[in-house]
């Protein structure tokens, strides 16, 4: 999804609604059962993939970051200070 597409979708909703990240995954690998984990969006992180097959423009993405608060803090700290 492109940023402009997300902005367009969000513009159809009231500005005071909470945004959550819903992660849908199978319960077991070969099962039709799924689980949905919901997290608040705690941050936005520009990211660049190291995939050599992608152009510079294709390698740039934006991550919506969410999860357990302690995990998110540890992740953002590690990304902001990769040598620490």
PDB file of N, CA and C in Angstrom:
ATOM      1  N   UNK A   1       0.850  -1.167   0.000  1.00  0.00           N
ATOM      2  CA  UNK A   1       0.000   0.000   0.000  1.00  0.00           C
ATOM      3  C   UNK A   1       0.899   1.234   0.000  1.00  0.00           C
ATOM      4  N   UNK A   2       0.535   2.193  -0.781  1.00  0.00           N
ATOM      5  CA  UNK A   2       1.273   3.448  -0.824  1.00  0.00           C
ATOM      6  C   UNK A   2       0.773   4.398   0.259  1.00  0.00           C
ATOM      7  N   UNK A   3       1.627   5.300   0.700  1.00  0.00           N
ATOM      8  CA  UNK A   3       1.260   6.274   1.731  1.00  0.00           C
ATOM      9  C   UNK A   3       0.016   7.041   1.317  1.00  0.00           C
ATOM     10  N   UNK A   4      -0.041   7.485   0.064  1.00  0.00           N
ATOM     11  CA  UNK A   4      -1.206   8.270  -0.377  1.00  0.00           C
ATOM     12  C   UNK A   4      -2.486   7.446  -0.317  1.00  0.00           C
ATOM     13  N   UNK A   5      -2.388   6.115  -0.544  1.00  0.00           N
ATOM     14  CA  UNK A   5      -3.564   5.249  -0.451  1.00  0.00           C
ATOM     15  C   UNK A   5      -4.030   5.133   0.999  1.00  0.00           C
ATOM     16  N   UNK A   6      -3.084   5.012   1.931  1.00  0.00           N
ATOM     17  CA  UNK A   6      -3.429   4.940   3.345  1.00  0.00           C
ATOM     18  C   UNK A   6      -4.058   6.249   3.813  1.00  0.00           C
ATOM     19  N   UNK A   7      -3.491   7.363   3.405  1.00  0.00           N
ATOM     20  CA  UNK A   7      -4.042   8.671   3.766  1.00  0.00           C
ATOM     21  C   UNK A   7      -5.463   8.806   3.230  1.00  0.00           C
ATOM     22  N   UNK A   8      -5.683   8.365   1.996  1.00  0.00           N
ATOM     23  CA  UNK A   8      -7.009   8.442   1.390  1.00  0.00           C
ATOM     24  C   UNK A   8      -8.018   7.602   2.174  1.00  0.00           C
ATOM     25  N   UNK A   9      -7.629   6.383   2.548  1.00  0.00           N
ATOM     26  CA  UNK A   9      -8.511   5.517   3.330  1.00  0.00           C
ATOM     27  C   UNK A   9      -8.815   6.139   4.683  1.00  0.00           C
ATOM     28  N   UNK A  10      -7.774   6.631   5.357  1.00  0.00           N
ATOM     29  CA  UNK A  10      -7.969   7.206   6.687  1.00  0.00           C
ATOM     30  C   UNK A  10      -8.783   8.497   6.639  1.00  0.00           C
ATOM     31  N   UNK A  11      -8.719   9.217   5.544  1.00  0.00           N
ATOM     32  CA  UNK A  11      -9.455  10.487   5.447  1.00  0.00           C
ATOM     33  C   UNK A  11     -10.968  10.269   5.412  1.00  0.00           C
ATOM     34  N   UNK A  12     -11.415   9.037   5.167  1.00  0.00           N
ATOM     35  CA  UNK A  12     -12.846   8.723   5.172  1.00  0.00           C
ATOM     36  C   UNK A  12     -13.385   8.481   6.580  1.00  0.00           C
ATOM     37  N   UNK A  13     -12.522   8.566   7.601  1.00  0.00           N
ATOM     38  CA  UNK A  13     -12.912   8.257   8.969  1.00  0.00           C
ATOM     39  C   UNK A  13     -12.672   9.464   9.866  1.00  0.00           C
ATOM     40  N   UNK A  14     -13.429   9.554  10.964  1.00  0.00           N
ATOM     41  CA  UNK A  14     -13.235  10.669  11.887  1.00  0.00           C
ATOM     42  C   UNK A  14     -11.799  10.711  12.416  1.00  0.00           C
ATOM     43  N   UNK A  15     -11.250  11.900  12.534  1.00  0.00           N
ATOM     44  CA  UNK A  15      -9.868  12.077  12.964  1.00  0.00           C
ATOM     45  C   UNK A  15      -9.596  11.706  14.402  1.00  0.00           C
ATOM     46  N   UNK A  16     -10.647  11.512  15.212  1.00  0.00           N
ATOM     47  CA  UNK A  16     -10.413  11.185  16.620  1.00  0.00           C
ATOM     48  C   UNK A  16     -10.539   9.688  16.907  1.00  0.00           C
ATOM     49  N   UNK A  17     -10.591   8.850  15.863  1.00  0.00           N
ATOM     50  CA  UNK A  17     -10.604   7.402  16.076  1.00  0.00           C
ATOM     51  C   UNK A  17      -9.191   6.888  16.307  1.00  0.00           C
ATOM     52  N   UNK A  18      -9.084   5.872  17.159  1.00  0.00           N
ATOM     53  CA  UNK A  18      -7.798   5.224  17.425  1.00  0.00           C
ATOM     54  C   UNK A  18      -7.438   4.324  16.247  1.00  0.00           C
ATOM     55  N   UNK A  19      -6.167   4.297  15.864  1.00  0.00           N
ATOM     56  CA  UNK A  19      -5.682   3.419  14.806  1.00  0.00           C
ATOM     57  C   UNK A  19      -4.960   2.251  15.459  1.00  0.00           C
ATOM     58  N   UNK A  20      -5.318   1.036  15.053  1.00  0.00           N
ATOM     59  CA  UNK A  20      -4.672  -0.166  15.559  1.00  0.00           C
ATOM     60  C   UNK A  20      -4.057  -0.938  14.396  1.00  0.00           C
ATOM     61  N   UNK A  21      -3.091  -1.750  14.725  1.00  0.00           N
ATOM     62  CA  UNK A  21      -2.461  -2.655  13.783  1.00  0.00           C
ATOM     63  C   UNK A  21      -2.999  -4.050  14.095  1.00  0.00           C
ATOM     64  N   UNK A  22      -3.646  -4.693  13.119  1.00  0.00           N
ATOM     65  CA  UNK A  22      -4.174  -6.041  13.309  1.00  0.00           C
ATOM     66  C   UNK A  22      -3.297  -7.002  12.514  1.00  0.00           C
ATOM     67  N   UNK A  23      -2.703  -7.966  13.216  1.00  0.00           N
ATOM     68  CA  UNK A  23      -1.846  -8.958  12.579  1.00  0.00           C
ATOM     69  C   UNK A  23      -2.621 -10.269  12.520  1.00  0.00           C
ATOM     70  N   UNK A  24      -2.892 -10.728  11.307  1.00  0.00           N
ATOM     71  CA  UNK A  24      -3.644 -11.958  11.094  1.00  0.00           C
ATOM     72  C   UNK A  24      -2.651 -13.058  10.738  1.00  0.00           C
ATOM     73  N   UNK A  25      -2.743 -14.191  11.435  1.00  0.00           N
ATOM     74  CA  UNK A  25      -1.806 -15.292  11.198  1.00  0.00           C
ATOM     75  C   UNK A  25      -2.509 -16.618  11.437  1.00  0.00           C
ATOM     76  N   UNK A  26      -2.042 -17.672  10.775  1.00  0.00           N
ATOM     77  CA  UNK A  26      -2.624 -18.995  11.046  1.00  0.00           C
ATOM     78  C   UNK A  26      -2.282 -19.458  12.454  1.00  0.00           C
ATOM     79  N   UNK A  27      -3.199 -20.187  13.065  1.00  0.00           N
ATOM     80  CA  UNK A  27      -2.942 -20.752  14.388  1.00  0.00           C
ATOM     81  C   UNK A  27      -1.869 -21.824  14.270  1.00  0.00           C
ATOM     82  N   UNK A  28      -2.004 -22.676  13.252  1.00  0.00           N
ATOM     83  CA  UNK A  28      -1.011 -23.701  12.947  1.00  0.00           C
ATOM     84  C   UNK A  28      -0.744 -23.643  11.451  1.00  0.00           C
ATOM     85  N   UNK A  29       0.408 -24.076  11.027  1.00  0.00           N
ATOM     86  CA  UNK A  29       0.853 -23.902   9.643  1.00  0.00           C
ATOM     87  C   UNK A  29      -0.139 -24.412   8.598  1.00  0.00           C
ATOM     88  N   UNK A  30      -0.657 -25.615   8.748  1.00  0.00           N
ATOM     89  CA  UNK A  30      -1.542 -26.194   7.734  1.00  0.00           C
ATOM     90  C   UNK A  30      -3.003 -26.181   8.171  1.00  0.00           C
ATOM     91  N   UNK A  31      -3.397 -25.159   8.911  1.00  0.00           N
ATOM     92  CA  UNK A  31      -4.753 -25.069   9.435  1.00  0.00           C
ATOM     93  C   UNK A  31      -5.475 -23.882   8.813  1.00  0.00           C
ATOM     94  N   UNK A  32      -6.803 -23.995   8.719  1.00  0.00           N
ATOM     95  CA  UNK A  32      -7.613 -22.868   8.251  1.00  0.00           C
ATOM     96  C   UNK A  32      -7.938 -21.907   9.389  1.00  0.00           C
ATOM     97  N   UNK A  33      -7.649 -22.300  10.632  1.00  0.00           N
ATOM     98  CA  UNK A  33      -7.909 -21.443  11.789  1.00  0.00           C
ATOM     99  C   UNK A  33      -6.900 -20.309  11.825  1.00  0.00           C
ATOM    100  N   UNK A  34      -7.395 -19.117  12.173  1.00  0.00           N
ATOM    101  CA  UNK A  34      -6.514 -17.945  12.250  1.00  0.00           C
ATOM    102  C   UNK A  34      -6.629 -17.295  13.623  1.00  0.00           C
ATOM    103  N   UNK A  35      -5.655 -16.471  13.916  1.00  0.00           N
ATOM    104  CA  UNK A  35      -5.677 -15.646  15.120  1.00  0.00           C
ATOM    105  C   UNK A  35      -5.438 -14.201  14.684  1.00  0.00           C
ATOM    106  N   UNK A  36      -5.988 -13.280  15.448  1.00  0.00           N
ATOM    107  CA  UNK A  36      -5.791 -11.856  15.170  1.00  0.00           C
ATOM    108  C   UNK A  36      -5.237 -11.201  16.430  1.00  0.00           C
ATOM    109  N   UNK A  37      -4.052 -10.626  16.314  1.00  0.00           N
ATOM    110  CA  UNK A  37      -3.452  -9.867  17.407  1.00  0.00           C
ATOM    111  C   UNK A  37      -3.601  -8.391  17.081  1.00  0.00           C
ATOM    112  N   UNK A  38      -4.103  -7.617  18.035  1.00  0.00           N
ATOM    113  CA  UNK A  38      -4.322  -6.182  17.837  1.00  0.00           C
ATOM    114  C   UNK A  38      -3.349  -5.387  18.696  1.00  0.00           C
ATOM    115  N   UNK A  39      -2.756  -4.361  18.067  1.00  0.00           N
ATOM    116  CA  UNK A  39      -1.808  -3.509  18.777  1.00  0.00           C
ATOM    117  C   UNK A  39      -2.050  -2.060  18.386  1.00  0.00           C
ATOM    118  N   UNK A  40      -1.832  -1.136  19.321  1.00  0.00           N
ATOM    119  CA  UNK A  40      -1.859   0.282  18.927  1.00  0.00           C
ATOM    120  C   UNK A  40      -0.642   0.566  18.047  1.00  0.00           C
ATOM    121  N   UNK A  41      -0.771   1.533  17.166  1.00  0.00           N
ATOM    122  CA  UNK A  41       0.374   1.964  16.365  1.00  0.00           C
ATOM    123  C   UNK A  41       1.164   2.929  17.240  1.00  0.00           C
ATOM    124  N   UNK A  42       2.374   2.519  17.613  1.00  0.00           N
ATOM    125  CA  UNK A  42       3.195   3.310  18.520  1.00  0.00           C
ATOM    126  C   UNK A  42       4.230   4.159  17.807  1.00  0.00           C
ATOM    127  N   UNK A  43       4.413   3.919  16.527  1.00  0.00           N
ATOM    128  CA  UNK A  43       5.416   4.690  15.803  1.00  0.00           C
ATOM    129  C   UNK A  43       5.369   4.426  14.309  1.00  0.00           C
ATOM    130  N   UNK A  44       6.054   5.257  13.609  1.00  0.00           N
ATOM    131  CA  UNK A  44       6.210   5.136  12.162  1.00  0.00           C
ATOM    132  C   UNK A  44       7.705   5.178  11.900  1.00  0.00           C
ATOM    133  N   UNK A  45       8.196   4.200  11.147  1.00  0.00           N
ATOM    134  CA  UNK A  45       9.624   4.078  10.948  1.00  0.00           C
ATOM    135  C   UNK A  45       9.950   3.956   9.466  1.00  0.00           C
ATOM    136  N   UNK A  46      10.644   4.943   8.903  1.00  0.00           N
ATOM    137  CA  UNK A  46      11.116   4.779   7.528  1.00  0.00           C
ATOM    138  C   UNK A  46      12.134   3.644   7.496  1.00  0.00           C
ATOM    139  N   UNK A  47      12.075   2.806   6.472  1.00  0.00           N
ATOM    140  CA  UNK A  47      12.955   1.645   6.390  1.00  0.00           C
ATOM    141  C   UNK A  47      13.444   1.480   4.969  1.00  0.00           C
ATOM    142  N   UNK A  48      14.642   0.965   4.820  1.00  0.00           N
ATOM    143  CA  UNK A  48      15.181   0.678   3.503  1.00  0.00           C
ATOM    144  C   UNK A  48      15.645  -0.767   3.478  1.00  0.00           C
ATOM    145  N   UNK A  49      15.025  -1.562   2.586  1.00  0.00           N
ATOM    146  CA  UNK A  49      15.407  -2.966   2.442  1.00  0.00           C
ATOM    147  C   UNK A  49      16.777  -3.060   1.793  1.00  0.00           C
ATOM    148  N   UNK A  50      17.515  -4.091   2.169  1.00  0.00           N
ATOM    149  CA  UNK A  50      18.845  -4.327   1.599  1.00  0.00           C
ATOM    150  C   UNK A  50      18.802  -5.255   0.393  1.00  0.00           C
ATOM    151  N   UNK A  51      17.620  -5.532  -0.143  1.00  0.00           N
ATOM    152  CA  UNK A  51      17.470  -6.457  -1.266  1.00  0.00           C
ATOM    153  C   UNK A  51      18.108  -5.865  -2.524  1.00  0.00           C
ATOM    154  N   UNK A  52      19.107  -6.546  -3.049  1.00  0.00           N
ATOM    155  CA  UNK A  52      19.854  -6.056  -4.214  1.00  0.00           C
ATOM    156  C   UNK A  52      19.002  -6.026  -5.482  1.00  0.00           C
ATOM    157  N   UNK A  53      17.893  -6.761  -5.509  1.00  0.00           N
ATOM    158  CA  UNK A  53      17.045  -6.805  -6.696  1.00  0.00           C
ATOM    159  C   UNK A  53      16.069  -5.639  -6.778  1.00  0.00           C
ATOM    160  N   UNK A  54      16.025  -4.808  -5.752  1.00  0.00           N
ATOM    161  CA  UNK A  54      15.089  -3.685  -5.730  1.00  0.00           C
ATOM    162  C   UNK A  54      15.794  -2.397  -6.109  1.00  0.00           C
ATOM    163  N   UNK A  55      15.049  -1.509  -6.784  1.00  0.00           N
ATOM    164  CA  UNK A  55      15.592  -0.183  -7.061  1.00  0.00           C
ATOM    165  C   UNK A  55      15.601   0.615  -5.762  1.00  0.00           C
ATOM    166  N   UNK A  56      16.284   1.754  -5.766  1.00  0.00           N
ATOM    167  CA  UNK A  56      16.355   2.595  -4.564  1.00  0.00           C
ATOM    168  C   UNK A  56      14.958   3.006  -4.115  1.00  0.00           C
ATOM    169  N   UNK A  57      14.091   3.332  -5.062  1.00  0.00           N
ATOM    170  CA  UNK A  57      12.731   3.754  -4.714  1.00  0.00           C
ATOM    171  C   UNK A  57      11.917   2.582  -4.169  1.00  0.00           C
ATOM    172  N   UNK A  58      12.063   1.407  -4.773  1.00  0.00           N
ATOM    173  CA  UNK A  58      11.317   0.233  -4.328  1.00  0.00           C
ATOM    174  C   UNK A  58      11.772  -0.246  -2.961  1.00  0.00           C
ATOM    175  N   UNK A  59      13.008   0.018  -2.596  1.00  0.00           N
ATOM    176  CA  UNK A  59      13.539  -0.474  -1.335  1.00  0.00           C
ATOM    177  C   UNK A  59      13.107   0.377  -0.141  1.00  0.00           C
ATOM    178  N   UNK A  60      12.576   1.576  -0.399  1.00  0.00           N
ATOM    179  CA  UNK A  60      12.143   2.459   0.687  1.00  0.00           C
ATOM    180  C   UNK A  60      10.696   2.166   1.052  1.00  0.00           C
ATOM    181  N   UNK A  61      10.454   1.937   2.333  1.00  0.00           N
ATOM    182  CA  UNK A  61       9.113   1.661   2.837  1.00  0.00           C
ATOM    183  C   UNK A  61       8.913   2.397   4.163  1.00  0.00           C
ATOM    184  N   UNK A  62       7.681   2.424   4.618  1.00  0.00           N
ATOM    185  CA  UNK A  62       7.339   2.973   5.930  1.00  0.00           C
ATOM    186  C   UNK A  62       6.733   1.834   6.737  1.00  0.00           C
ATOM    187  N   UNK A  63       7.263   1.591   7.919  1.00  0.00           N
ATOM    188  CA  UNK A  63       6.696   0.590   8.811  1.00  0.00           C
ATOM    189  C   UNK A  63       5.814   1.274   9.836  1.00  0.00           C
ATOM    190  N   UNK A  64       4.594   0.753  10.028  1.00  0.00           N
ATOM    191  CA  UNK A  64       3.775   1.128  11.165  1.00  0.00           C
ATOM    192  C   UNK A  64       4.188   0.162  12.268  1.00  0.00           C
ATOM    193  N   UNK A  65       4.651   0.675  13.391  1.00  0.00           N
ATOM    194  CA  UNK A  65       5.234  -0.154  14.442  1.00  0.00           C
ATOM    195  C   UNK A  65       4.259  -0.242  15.608  1.00  0.00           C
ATOM    196  N   UNK A  66       3.997  -1.465  16.040  1.00  0.00           N
ATOM    197  CA  UNK A  66       3.135  -1.692  17.180  1.00  0.00           C
ATOM    198  C   UNK A  66       3.474  -3.016  17.817  1.00  0.00           C
ATOM    199  N   UNK A  67       3.025  -3.214  19.029  1.00  0.00           N
ATOM    200  CA  UNK A  67       3.272  -4.459  19.742  1.00  0.00           C
ATOM    201  C   UNK A  67       3.250  -4.210  21.237  1.00  0.00           C
ATOM    202  N   UNK A  68       3.775  -5.156  21.982  1.00  0.00           N
ATOM    203  CA  UNK A  68       3.906  -4.978  23.414  1.00  0.00           C
ATOM    204  C   UNK A  68       4.799  -3.761  23.671  1.00  0.00           C
ATOM    205  N   UNK A  69       4.384  -2.896  24.579  1.00  0.00           N
ATOM    206  CA  UNK A  69       5.080  -1.624  24.801  1.00  0.00           C
ATOM    207  C   UNK A  69       6.580  -1.795  25.058  1.00  0.00           C
ATOM    208  N   UNK A  70       6.944  -2.744  25.911  1.00  0.00           N
ATOM    209  CA  UNK A  70       8.363  -2.962  26.209  1.00  0.00           C
ATOM    210  C   UNK A  70       9.125  -3.443  24.975  1.00  0.00           C
ATOM    211  N   UNK A  71       8.485  -4.313  24.180  1.00  0.00           N
ATOM    212  CA  UNK A  71       9.120  -4.816  22.964  1.00  0.00           C
ATOM    213  C   UNK A  71       9.317  -3.703  21.946  1.00  0.00           C
ATOM    214  N   UNK A  72       8.313  -2.851  21.803  1.00  0.00           N
ATOM    215  CA  UNK A  72       8.407  -1.740  20.848  1.00  0.00           C
ATOM    216  C   UNK A  72       9.528  -0.798  21.255  1.00  0.00           C
ATOM    217  N   UNK A  73       9.604  -0.468  22.529  1.00  0.00           N
ATOM    218  CA  UNK A  73      10.673   0.417  23.010  1.00  0.00           C
ATOM    219  C   UNK A  73      12.045  -0.189  22.743  1.00  0.00           C
ATOM    220  N   UNK A  74      12.203  -1.479  23.039  1.00  0.00           N
ATOM    221  CA  UNK A  74      13.489  -2.144  22.813  1.00  0.00           C
ATOM    222  C   UNK A  74      13.831  -2.166  21.322  1.00  0.00           C
ATOM    223  N   UNK A  75      12.843  -2.436  20.482  1.00  0.00           N
ATOM    224  CA  UNK A  75      13.060  -2.464  19.038  1.00  0.00           C
ATOM    225  C   UNK A  75      13.473  -1.095  18.531  1.00  0.00           C
ATOM    226  N   UNK A  76      12.725  -0.053  18.895  1.00  0.00           N
ATOM    227  CA  UNK A  76      13.047   1.299  18.411  1.00  0.00           C
ATOM    228  C   UNK A  76      14.406   1.759  18.919  1.00  0.00           C
ATOM    229  N   UNK A  77      14.742   1.422  20.175  1.00  0.00           N
ATOM    230  CA  UNK A  77      16.067   1.762  20.704  1.00  0.00           C
ATOM    231  C   UNK A  77      17.161   1.068  19.900  1.00  0.00           C
ATOM    232  N   UNK A  78      16.947  -0.209  19.570  1.00  0.00           N
ATOM    233  CA  UNK A  78      17.962  -0.961  18.808  1.00  0.00           C
ATOM    234  C   UNK A  78      18.119  -0.423  17.393  1.00  0.00           C
ATOM    235  N   UNK A  79      17.019  -0.023  16.780  1.00  0.00           N
ATOM    236  CA  UNK A  79      17.083   0.490  15.404  1.00  0.00           C
ATOM    237  C   UNK A  79      17.731   1.878  15.373  1.00  0.00           C
ATOM    238  N   UNK A  80      17.415   2.691  16.372  1.00  0.00           N
ATOM    239  CA  UNK A  80      17.980   4.056  16.410  1.00  0.00           C
ATOM    240  C   UNK A  80      19.446   4.039  16.765  1.00  0.00           C
ATOM    241  N   UNK A  81      19.897   3.027  17.518  1.00  0.00           N
ATOM    242  CA  UNK A  81      21.301   2.913  17.907  1.00  0.00           C
ATOM    243  C   UNK A  81      21.812   1.525  17.554  1.00  0.00           C
ATOM    244  N   UNK A  82      21.974   1.207  16.262  1.00  0.00           N
ATOM    245  CA  UNK A  82      22.337  -0.158  15.862  1.00  0.00           C
ATOM    246  C   UNK A  82      23.681  -0.639  16.388  1.00  0.00           C
ATOM    247  N   UNK A  83      24.580   0.257  16.758  1.00  0.00           N
ATOM    248  CA  UNK A  83      25.907  -0.151  17.237  1.00  0.00           C
ATOM    249  C   UNK A  83      25.962  -0.347  18.747  1.00  0.00           C
ATOM    250  N   UNK A  84      24.865  -0.026  19.420  1.00  0.00           N
ATOM    251  CA  UNK A  84      24.860  -0.118  20.898  1.00  0.00           C
ATOM    252  C   UNK A  84      24.716  -1.547  21.365  1.00  0.00           C
TER     253      UNK A  84
END
